[in-house]
Amino acid sequence: MLSNRRLLTQNGTPLTRQGSRALLWWATILERTIAGKASREAHKKRRDRAIRASHARGSTLDEIAAQTRLRPDTVRAILRDETTAE
């Protein structure tokens, strides 16, 4: 059985290098979008603006709660521009 270090992709790049790049890409995405309090707060602000805009254009509270998997109470607080417990 060959080890992963010997397996090559079609263009000759070792799979371990491909995997390394994929994991680095994933870590970068996570760091930029989720990690850190400032990033989480920025994400929540963007999400809240999108929720309010969706509601203003006709989406119901129940539709928003179901789609975003947020509790209806949380969606109500977002629509009133109040802070949420998240």
PDB file of N, CA and C in Angstrom:
ATOM      1  N   MET A   1       0.844  -1.182   0.000  1.00  0.00           N
ATOM      2  CA  MET A   1       0.000   0.000   0.000  1.00  0.00           C
ATOM      3  C   MET A   1       0.887   1.243   0.000  1.00  0.00           C
ATOM      4  N   LEU A   2       0.545   2.191  -0.836  1.00  0.00           N
ATOM      5  CA  LEU A   2       1.334   3.405  -0.931  1.00  0.00           C
ATOM      6  C   LEU A   2       0.947   4.377   0.171  1.00  0.00           C
ATOM      7  N   SER A   3       1.919   5.104   0.666  1.00  0.00           N
ATOM      8  CA  SER A   3       1.603   6.142   1.651  1.00  0.00           C
ATOM      9  C   SER A   3       1.090   7.371   0.904  1.00  0.00           C
ATOM     10  N   ASN A   4       0.448   8.245   1.602  1.00  0.00           N
ATOM     11  CA  ASN A   4      -0.084   9.466   0.985  1.00  0.00           C
ATOM     12  C   ASN A   4       1.010  10.320   0.369  1.00  0.00           C
ATOM     13  N   ARG A   5       2.207  10.198   0.873  1.00  0.00           N
ATOM     14  CA  ARG A   5       3.303  11.014   0.360  1.00  0.00           C
ATOM     15  C   ARG A   5       3.695  10.632  -1.055  1.00  0.00           C
ATOM     16  N   ARG A   6       3.389   9.418  -1.468  1.00  0.00           N
ATOM     17  CA  ARG A   6       3.761   8.969  -2.801  1.00  0.00           C
ATOM     18  C   ARG A   6       2.661   9.183  -3.818  1.00  0.00           C
ATOM     19  N   LEU A   7       1.429   9.351  -3.367  1.00  0.00           N
ATOM     20  CA  LEU A   7       0.326   9.544  -4.299  1.00  0.00           C
ATOM     21  C   LEU A   7       0.419  10.923  -4.918  1.00  0.00           C
ATOM     22  N   LEU A   8       0.199  10.984  -6.207  1.00  0.00           N
ATOM     23  CA  LEU A   8       0.286  12.245  -6.926  1.00  0.00           C
ATOM     24  C   LEU A   8      -1.034  12.541  -7.620  1.00  0.00           C
ATOM     25  N   THR A   9      -1.315  13.806  -7.796  1.00  0.00           N
ATOM     26  CA  THR A   9      -2.484  14.192  -8.569  1.00  0.00           C
ATOM     27  C   THR A   9      -2.124  14.106 -10.042  1.00  0.00           C
ATOM     28  N   GLN A  10      -3.066  14.408 -10.900  1.00  0.00           N
ATOM     29  CA  GLN A  10      -2.822  14.318 -12.337  1.00  0.00           C
ATOM     30  C   GLN A  10      -1.711  15.254 -12.796  1.00  0.00           C
ATOM     31  N   ASN A  11      -1.578  16.407 -12.146  1.00  0.00           N
ATOM     32  CA  ASN A  11      -0.530  17.336 -12.572  1.00  0.00           C
ATOM     33  C   ASN A  11       0.800  17.079 -11.859  1.00  0.00           C
ATOM     34  N   GLY A  12       0.867  16.002 -11.050  1.00  0.00           N
ATOM     35  CA  GLY A  12       2.127  15.632 -10.424  1.00  0.00           C
ATOM     36  C   GLY A  12       2.352  16.237  -9.057  1.00  0.00           C
ATOM     37  N   THR A  13       1.402  16.995  -8.545  1.00  0.00           N
ATOM     38  CA  THR A  13       1.544  17.593  -7.221  1.00  0.00           C
ATOM     39  C   THR A  13       1.206  16.544  -6.163  1.00  0.00           C
ATOM     40  N   PRO A  14       2.028  16.396  -5.161  1.00  0.00           N
ATOM     41  CA  PRO A  14       1.710  15.413  -4.121  1.00  0.00           C
ATOM     42  C   PRO A  14       0.393  15.744  -3.417  1.00  0.00           C
ATOM     43  N   LEU A  15      -0.350  14.707  -3.102  1.00  0.00           N
ATOM     44  CA  LEU A  15      -1.623  14.914  -2.425  1.00  0.00           C
ATOM     45  C   LEU A  15      -1.454  15.582  -1.074  1.00  0.00           C
ATOM     46  N   THR A  16      -0.366  15.316  -0.394  1.00  0.00           N
ATOM     47  CA  THR A  16      -0.171  15.944   0.905  1.00  0.00           C
ATOM     48  C   THR A  16      -0.081  17.463   0.755  1.00  0.00           C
ATOM     49  N   ARG A  17       0.524  17.920  -0.319  1.00  0.00           N
ATOM     50  CA  ARG A  17       0.616  19.370  -0.558  1.00  0.00           C
ATOM     51  C   ARG A  17      -0.764  19.941  -0.876  1.00  0.00           C
ATOM     52  N   GLN A  18      -1.538  19.209  -1.656  1.00  0.00           N
ATOM     53  CA  GLN A  18      -2.896  19.639  -1.975  1.00  0.00           C
ATOM     54  C   GLN A  18      -3.730  19.723  -0.693  1.00  0.00           C
ATOM     55  N   GLY A  19      -3.607  18.706   0.139  1.00  0.00           N
ATOM     56  CA  GLY A  19      -4.335  18.698   1.407  1.00  0.00           C
ATOM     57  C   GLY A  19      -3.909  19.829   2.310  1.00  0.00           C
ATOM     58  N   SER A  20      -2.612  20.094   2.316  1.00  0.00           N
ATOM     59  CA  SER A  20      -2.083  21.188   3.124  1.00  0.00           C
ATOM     60  C   SER A  20      -2.665  22.522   2.671  1.00  0.00           C
ATOM     61  N   ARG A  21      -2.710  22.733   1.376  1.00  0.00           N
ATOM     62  CA  ARG A  21      -3.271  23.974   0.842  1.00  0.00           C
ATOM     63  C   ARG A  21      -4.752  24.094   1.163  1.00  0.00           C
ATOM     64  N   ALA A  22      -5.480  22.985   1.061  1.00  0.00           N
ATOM     65  CA  ALA A  22      -6.916  22.999   1.364  1.00  0.00           C
ATOM     66  C   ALA A  22      -7.152  23.334   2.836  1.00  0.00           C
ATOM     67  N   LEU A  23      -6.353  22.743   3.713  1.00  0.00           N
ATOM     68  CA  LEU A  23      -6.514  23.034   5.139  1.00  0.00           C
ATOM     69  C   LEU A  23      -6.135  24.469   5.471  1.00  0.00           C
ATOM     70  N   LEU A  24      -5.112  24.978   4.828  1.00  0.00           N
ATOM     71  CA  LEU A  24      -4.723  26.368   5.042  1.00  0.00           C
ATOM     72  C   LEU A  24      -5.813  27.306   4.554  1.00  0.00           C
ATOM     73  N   TRP A  25      -6.383  27.000   3.398  1.00  0.00           N
ATOM     74  CA  TRP A  25      -7.482  27.808   2.868  1.00  0.00           C
ATOM     75  C   TRP A  25      -8.644  27.813   3.860  1.00  0.00           C
ATOM     76  N   TRP A  26      -9.002  26.632   4.392  1.00  0.00           N
ATOM     77  CA  TRP A  26     -10.112  26.525   5.347  1.00  0.00           C
ATOM     78  C   TRP A  26      -9.807  27.310   6.623  1.00  0.00           C
ATOM     79  N   ALA A  27      -8.588  27.217   7.124  1.00  0.00           N
ATOM     80  CA  ALA A  27      -8.202  27.956   8.327  1.00  0.00           C
ATOM     81  C   ALA A  27      -8.294  29.456   8.092  1.00  0.00           C
ATOM     82  N   THR A  28      -7.899  29.896   6.903  1.00  0.00           N
ATOM     83  CA  THR A  28      -7.976  31.314   6.567  1.00  0.00           C
ATOM     84  C   THR A  28      -9.421  31.783   6.529  1.00  0.00           C
ATOM     85  N   ILE A  29     -10.291  31.002   5.897  1.00  0.00           N
ATOM     86  CA  ILE A  29     -11.711  31.353   5.839  1.00  0.00           C
ATOM     87  C   ILE A  29     -12.288  31.453   7.248  1.00  0.00           C
ATOM     88  N   LEU A  30     -11.989  30.463   8.083  1.00  0.00           N
ATOM     89  CA  LEU A  30     -12.504  30.482   9.450  1.00  0.00           C
ATOM     90  C   LEU A  30     -11.983  31.688  10.227  1.00  0.00           C
ATOM     91  N   GLU A  31     -10.721  31.982  10.075  1.00  0.00           N
ATOM     92  CA  GLU A  31     -10.133  33.108  10.796  1.00  0.00           C
ATOM     93  C   GLU A  31     -10.770  34.426  10.377  1.00  0.00           C
ATOM     94  N   ARG A  32     -11.008  34.570   9.086  1.00  0.00           N
ATOM     95  CA  ARG A  32     -11.565  35.827   8.580  1.00  0.00           C
ATOM     96  C   ARG A  32     -13.053  35.976   8.842  1.00  0.00           C
ATOM     97  N   THR A  33     -13.751  34.866   9.031  1.00  0.00           N
ATOM     98  CA  THR A  33     -15.202  34.959   9.164  1.00  0.00           C
ATOM     99  C   THR A  33     -15.716  34.686  10.570  1.00  0.00           C
ATOM    100  N   ILE A  34     -15.081  33.811  11.313  1.00  0.00           N
ATOM    101  CA  ILE A  34     -15.655  33.375  12.579  1.00  0.00           C
ATOM    102  C   ILE A  34     -14.788  33.754  13.775  1.00  0.00           C
ATOM    103  N   ALA A  35     -13.501  33.520  13.679  1.00  0.00           N
ATOM    104  CA  ALA A  35     -12.617  33.664  14.830  1.00  0.00           C
ATOM    105  C   ALA A  35     -12.515  35.115  15.282  1.00  0.00           C
ATOM    106  N   GLY A  36     -12.393  35.290  16.548  1.00  0.00           N
ATOM    107  CA  GLY A  36     -12.196  36.619  17.110  1.00  0.00           C
ATOM    108  C   GLY A  36     -13.495  37.346  17.361  1.00  0.00           C
ATOM    109  N   LYS A  37     -13.550  38.051  18.467  1.00  0.00           N
ATOM    110  CA  LYS A  37     -14.768  38.762  18.854  1.00  0.00           C
ATOM    111  C   LYS A  37     -15.152  39.821  17.827  1.00  0.00           C
ATOM    112  N   ALA A  38     -14.184  40.552  17.329  1.00  0.00           N
ATOM    113  CA  ALA A  38     -14.478  41.605  16.357  1.00  0.00           C
ATOM    114  C   ALA A  38     -15.078  41.028  15.078  1.00  0.00           C
ATOM    115  N   SER A  39     -14.545  39.892  14.636  1.00  0.00           N
ATOM    116  CA  SER A  39     -15.075  39.257  13.429  1.00  0.00           C
ATOM    117  C   SER A  39     -16.496  38.759  13.650  1.00  0.00           C
ATOM    118  N   ARG A  40     -16.751  38.166  14.821  1.00  0.00           N
ATOM    119  CA  ARG A  40     -18.105  37.691  15.125  1.00  0.00           C
ATOM    120  C   ARG A  40     -19.088  38.845  15.169  1.00  0.00           C
ATOM    121  N   GLU A  41     -18.678  39.944  15.787  1.00  0.00           N
ATOM    122  CA  GLU A  41     -19.561  41.113  15.870  1.00  0.00           C
ATOM    123  C   GLU A  41     -19.848  41.677  14.477  1.00  0.00           C
ATOM    124  N   ALA A  42     -18.837  41.759  13.642  1.00  0.00           N
ATOM    125  CA  ALA A  42     -19.037  42.252  12.278  1.00  0.00           C
ATOM    126  C   ALA A  42     -19.971  41.330  11.504  1.00  0.00           C
ATOM    127  N   HIS A  43     -19.800  40.011  11.690  1.00  0.00           N
ATOM    128  CA  HIS A  43     -20.669  39.037  11.031  1.00  0.00           C
ATOM    129  C   HIS A  43     -22.112  39.220  11.493  1.00  0.00           C
ATOM    130  N   LYS A  44     -22.314  39.378  12.794  1.00  0.00           N
ATOM    131  CA  LYS A  44     -23.664  39.560  13.320  1.00  0.00           C
ATOM    132  C   LYS A  44     -24.306  40.847  12.785  1.00  0.00           C
ATOM    133  N   LYS A  45     -23.520  41.908  12.685  1.00  0.00           N
ATOM    134  CA  LYS A  45     -24.062  43.168  12.144  1.00  0.00           C
ATOM    135  C   LYS A  45     -24.494  43.010  10.694  1.00  0.00           C
ATOM    136  N   ARG A  46     -23.671  42.318   9.882  1.00  0.00           N
ATOM    137  CA  ARG A  46     -24.047  42.074   8.481  1.00  0.00           C
ATOM    138  C   ARG A  46     -25.292  41.203   8.403  1.00  0.00           C
ATOM    139  N   ARG A  47     -25.335  40.156   9.232  1.00  0.00           N
ATOM    140  CA  ARG A  47     -26.498  39.271   9.264  1.00  0.00           C
ATOM    141  C   ARG A  47     -27.754  40.036   9.664  1.00  0.00           C
ATOM    142  N   ASP A  48     -27.649  40.867  10.690  1.00  0.00           N
ATOM    143  CA  ASP A  48     -28.801  41.620  11.173  1.00  0.00           C
ATOM    144  C   ASP A  48     -29.311  42.597  10.120  1.00  0.00           C
ATOM    145  N   ARG A  49     -28.401  43.258   9.410  1.00  0.00           N
ATOM    146  CA  ARG A  49     -28.820  44.167   8.332  1.00  0.00           C
ATOM    147  C   ARG A  49     -29.552  43.405   7.239  1.00  0.00           C
ATOM    148  N   ALA A  50     -29.040  42.223   6.905  1.00  0.00           N
ATOM    149  CA  ALA A  50     -29.684  41.410   5.869  1.00  0.00           C
ATOM    150  C   ALA A  50     -31.063  40.940   6.326  1.00  0.00           C
ATOM    151  N   ILE A  51     -31.193  40.575   7.588  1.00  0.00           N
ATOM    152  CA  ILE A  51     -32.489  40.148   8.115  1.00  0.00           C
ATOM    153  C   ILE A  51     -33.489  41.296   8.068  1.00  0.00           C
ATOM    154  N   ARG A  52     -33.067  42.481   8.494  1.00  0.00           N
ATOM    155  CA  ARG A  52     -33.980  43.636   8.462  1.00  0.00           C
ATOM    156  C   ARG A  52     -34.372  43.997   7.028  1.00  0.00           C
ATOM    157  N   ALA A  53     -33.427  43.922   6.114  1.00  0.00           N
ATOM    158  CA  ALA A  53     -33.730  44.224   4.709  1.00  0.00           C
ATOM    159  C   ALA A  53     -34.698  43.190   4.137  1.00  0.00           C
ATOM    160  N   SER A  54     -34.512  41.935   4.478  1.00  0.00           N
ATOM    161  CA  SER A  54     -35.402  40.881   4.004  1.00  0.00           C
ATOM    162  C   SER A  54     -36.815  41.088   4.541  1.00  0.00           C
ATOM    163  N   HIS A  55     -36.910  41.441   5.799  1.00  0.00           N
ATOM    164  CA  HIS A  55     -38.217  41.692   6.408  1.00  0.00           C
ATOM    165  C   HIS A  55     -38.888  42.903   5.764  1.00  0.00           C
ATOM    166  N   ALA A  56     -38.121  43.926   5.485  1.00  0.00           N
ATOM    167  CA  ALA A  56     -38.672  45.130   4.856  1.00  0.00           C
ATOM    168  C   ALA A  56     -39.197  44.843   3.450  1.00  0.00           C
ATOM    169  N   ARG A  57     -38.673  43.812   2.814  1.00  0.00           N
ATOM    170  CA  ARG A  57     -39.099  43.462   1.454  1.00  0.00           C
ATOM    171  C   ARG A  57     -40.124  42.340   1.426  1.00  0.00           C
ATOM    172  N   GLY A  58     -40.666  41.973   2.605  1.00  0.00           N
ATOM    173  CA  GLY A  58     -41.793  41.063   2.601  1.00  0.00           C
ATOM    174  C   GLY A  58     -41.636  39.722   3.275  1.00  0.00           C
ATOM    175  N   SER A  59     -40.447  39.358   3.715  1.00  0.00           N
ATOM    176  CA  SER A  59     -40.283  38.075   4.406  1.00  0.00           C
ATOM    177  C   SER A  59     -40.928  38.156   5.784  1.00  0.00           C
ATOM    178  N   THR A  60     -41.604  37.094   6.173  1.00  0.00           N
ATOM    179  CA  THR A  60     -42.239  37.076   7.487  1.00  0.00           C
ATOM    180  C   THR A  60     -41.239  36.669   8.555  1.00  0.00           C
ATOM    181  N   LEU A  61     -41.579  36.960   9.782  1.00  0.00           N
ATOM    182  CA  LEU A  61     -40.726  36.602  10.901  1.00  0.00           C
ATOM    183  C   LEU A  61     -40.505  35.099  10.951  1.00  0.00           C
ATOM    184  N   ASP A  62     -41.566  34.326  10.733  1.00  0.00           N
ATOM    185  CA  ASP A  62     -41.437  32.865  10.771  1.00  0.00           C
ATOM    186  C   ASP A  62     -40.544  32.337   9.655  1.00  0.00           C
ATOM    187  N   GLU A  63     -40.636  32.926   8.472  1.00  0.00           N
ATOM    188  CA  GLU A  63     -39.762  32.509   7.364  1.00  0.00           C
ATOM    189  C   GLU A  63     -38.301  32.787   7.702  1.00  0.00           C
ATOM    190  N   ILE A  64     -38.047  33.971   8.249  1.00  0.00           N
ATOM    191  CA  ILE A  64     -36.674  34.343   8.590  1.00  0.00           C
ATOM    192  C   ILE A  64     -36.129  33.409   9.671  1.00  0.00           C
ATOM    193  N   ALA A  65     -36.927  33.148  10.700  1.00  0.00           N
ATOM    194  CA  ALA A  65     -36.487  32.277  11.785  1.00  0.00           C
ATOM    195  C   ALA A  65     -36.189  30.870  11.270  1.00  0.00           C
ATOM    196  N   ALA A  66     -37.052  30.345  10.413  1.00  0.00           N
ATOM    197  CA  ALA A  66     -36.838  28.995   9.884  1.00  0.00           C
ATOM    198  C   ALA A  66     -35.596  28.932   8.999  1.00  0.00           C
ATOM    199  N   GLN A  67     -35.414  29.913   8.147  1.00  0.00           N
ATOM    200  CA  GLN A  67     -34.286  29.899   7.208  1.00  0.00           C
ATOM    201  C   GLN A  67     -32.950  30.098   7.915  1.00  0.00           C
ATOM    202  N   THR A  68     -32.917  30.998   8.895  1.00  0.00           N
ATOM    203  CA  THR A  68     -31.658  31.305   9.575  1.00  0.00           C
ATOM    204  C   THR A  68     -31.403  30.414  10.779  1.00  0.00           C
ATOM    205  N   ARG A  69     -32.415  29.629  11.169  1.00  0.00           N
ATOM    206  CA  ARG A  69     -32.336  28.757  12.341  1.00  0.00           C
ATOM    207  C   ARG A  69     -32.141  29.544  13.630  1.00  0.00           C
ATOM    208  N   LEU A  70     -32.662  30.762  13.645  1.00  0.00           N
ATOM    209  CA  LEU A  70     -32.668  31.571  14.851  1.00  0.00           C
ATOM    210  C   LEU A  70     -34.041  31.448  15.503  1.00  0.00           C
ATOM    211  N   ARG A  71     -34.089  31.641  16.812  1.00  0.00           N
ATOM    212  CA  ARG A  71     -35.373  31.608  17.502  1.00  0.00           C
ATOM    213  C   ARG A  71     -36.192  32.829  17.098  1.00  0.00           C
ATOM    214  N   PRO A  72     -37.508  32.710  17.034  1.00  0.00           N
ATOM    215  CA  PRO A  72     -38.345  33.862  16.695  1.00  0.00           C
ATOM    216  C   PRO A  72     -38.116  35.060  17.616  1.00  0.00           C
ATOM    217  N   ASP A  73     -37.860  34.813  18.907  1.00  0.00           N
ATOM    218  CA  ASP A  73     -37.577  35.919  19.832  1.00  0.00           C
ATOM    219  C   ASP A  73     -36.317  36.673  19.424  1.00  0.00           C
ATOM    220  N   THR A  74     -35.319  35.935  18.964  1.00  0.00           N
ATOM    221  CA  THR A  74     -34.071  36.563  18.519  1.00  0.00           C
ATOM    222  C   THR A  74     -34.317  37.393  17.268  1.00  0.00           C
ATOM    223  N   VAL A  75     -35.110  36.855  16.339  1.00  0.00           N
ATOM    224  CA  VAL A  75     -35.416  37.598  15.113  1.00  0.00           C
ATOM    225  C   VAL A  75     -36.202  38.865  15.452  1.00  0.00           C
ATOM    226  N   ARG A  76     -37.142  38.765  16.375  1.00  0.00           N
ATOM    227  CA  ARG A  76     -37.895  39.962  16.798  1.00  0.00           C
ATOM    228  C   ARG A  76     -36.959  41.028  17.355  1.00  0.00           C
ATOM    229  N   ALA A  77     -36.015  40.615  18.194  1.00  0.00           N
ATOM    230  CA  ALA A  77     -35.070  41.558  18.754  1.00  0.00           C
ATOM    231  C   ALA A  77     -34.223  42.197  17.658  1.00  0.00           C
ATOM    232  N   ILE A  78     -33.823  41.410  16.676  1.00  0.00           N
ATOM    233  CA  ILE A  78     -33.040  41.958  15.564  1.00  0.00           C
ATOM    234  C   ILE A  78     -33.870  42.970  14.789  1.00  0.00           C
ATOM    235  N   LEU A  79     -35.130  42.649  14.547  1.00  0.00           N
ATOM    236  CA  LEU A  79     -35.986  43.569  13.796  1.00  0.00           C
ATOM    237  C   LEU A  79     -36.243  44.870  14.558  1.00  0.00           C
ATOM    238  N   ARG A  80     -36.206  44.804  15.895  1.00  0.00           N
ATOM    239  CA  ARG A  80     -36.367  46.019  16.703  1.00  0.00           C
ATOM    240  C   ARG A  80     -35.020  46.721  16.912  1.00  0.00           C
ATOM    241  N   ASP A  81     -33.959  46.176  16.341  1.00  0.00           N
ATOM    242  CA  ASP A  81     -32.604  46.718  16.450  1.00  0.00           C
ATOM    243  C   ASP A  81     -32.117  46.709  17.903  1.00  0.00           C
ATOM    244  N   GLU A  82     -32.493  45.654  18.627  1.00  0.00           N
ATOM    245  CA  GLU A  82     -32.035  45.475  19.989  1.00  0.00           C
ATOM    246  C   GLU A  82     -30.878  44.487  20.001  1.00  0.00           C
ATOM    247  N   THR A  83     -30.128  44.502  21.087  1.00  0.00           N
ATOM    248  CA  THR A  83     -29.033  43.535  21.206  1.00  0.00           C
ATOM    249  C   THR A  83     -29.624  42.161  21.490  1.00  0.00           C
ATOM    250  N   THR A  84     -28.945  41.140  21.018  1.00  0.00           N
ATOM    251  CA  THR A  84     -29.412  39.766  21.203  1.00  0.00           C
ATOM    252  C   THR A  84     -28.500  39.057  22.188  1.00  0.00           C
ATOM    253  N   ALA A  85     -28.957  37.940  22.701  1.00  0.00           N
ATOM    254  CA  ALA A  85     -28.210  37.193  23.720  1.00  0.00           C
ATOM    255  C   ALA A  85     -27.095  36.332  23.138  1.00  0.00           C
ATOM    256  N   GLU A  86     -26.914  36.346  21.855  1.00  0.00           N
ATOM    257  CA  GLU A  86     -25.900  35.484  21.228  1.00  0.00           C
ATOM    258  C   GLU A  86     -24.512  35.969  21.546  1.00  0.00           C
TER     259      GLU A  86
END
